[in-house]
Amino acid sequence: MNTHRKTYSSIRDIKKTLTAKPGKRAATVKAA
């Protein structure tokens, strides 16, 4: 459950990032 929660948090972070900037989004996707 803890791991699942961590993953969900990461997904939210990525979503936040792609809403922020397209350039930053590419870097986030690469990191993930």
C-alpha atoms as a PDB file:
ATOM      1  CA  MET A   1       0.000   0.000   0.000  1.00  0.00           C
ATOM      2  CA  ASN A   2       2.820   2.384   0.835  1.00  0.00           C
ATOM      3  CA  THR A   3       4.458   1.758  -2.538  1.00  0.00           C
ATOM      4  CA  HIS A   4       1.141   2.225  -4.285  1.00  0.00           C
ATOM      5  CA  ARG A   5       0.673   5.549  -2.577  1.00  0.00           C
ATOM      6  CA  LYS A   6       4.160   6.628  -3.610  1.00  0.00           C
ATOM      7  CA  THR A   7       3.423   5.779  -7.234  1.00  0.00           C
ATOM      8  CA  TYR A   8       0.191   7.723  -7.142  1.00  0.00           C
ATOM      9  CA  SER A   9       2.038  10.702  -5.724  1.00  0.00           C
ATOM     10  CA  SER A  10       4.592  10.465  -8.530  1.00  0.00           C
ATOM     11  CA  ILE A  11       1.844  10.378 -11.135  1.00  0.00           C
ATOM     12  CA  ARG A  12       0.330  13.509  -9.640  1.00  0.00           C
ATOM     13  CA  ASP A  13       3.729  15.177  -9.745  1.00  0.00           C
ATOM     14  CA  ILE A  14       4.142  14.294 -13.400  1.00  0.00           C
ATOM     15  CA  LYS A  15       0.680  15.607 -14.210  1.00  0.00           C
ATOM     16  CA  LYS A  16       1.500  18.824 -12.371  1.00  0.00           C
ATOM     17  CA  THR A  17       4.714  19.099 -14.338  1.00  0.00           C
ATOM     18  CA  LEU A  18       3.100  18.603 -17.695  1.00  0.00           C
ATOM     19  CA  THR A  19       0.583  21.246 -16.878  1.00  0.00           C
ATOM     20  CA  ALA A  20       3.426  23.565 -15.938  1.00  0.00           C
ATOM     21  CA  LYS A  21       5.717  23.471 -18.982  1.00  0.00           C
ATOM     22  CA  PRO A  22       6.032  21.340 -22.130  1.00  0.00           C
ATOM     23  CA  GLY A  23       9.832  21.441 -22.016  1.00  0.00           C
ATOM     24  CA  LYS A  24       9.901  20.345 -18.407  1.00  0.00           C
ATOM     25  CA  ARG A  25       7.399  17.632 -19.207  1.00  0.00           C
ATOM     26  CA  ALA A  26       9.747  15.957 -21.677  1.00  0.00           C
ATOM     27  CA  ALA A  27      12.424  15.765 -19.002  1.00  0.00           C
ATOM     28  CA  THR A  28       9.950  14.299 -16.518  1.00  0.00           C
ATOM     29  CA  VAL A  29       8.785  11.642 -18.952  1.00  0.00           C
ATOM     30  CA  LYS A  30      12.398  10.736 -19.690  1.00  0.00           C
ATOM     31  CA  ALA A  31      13.161  10.439 -15.987  1.00  0.00           C
ATOM     32  CA  ALA A  32      10.115   8.227 -15.485  1.00  0.00           C
END
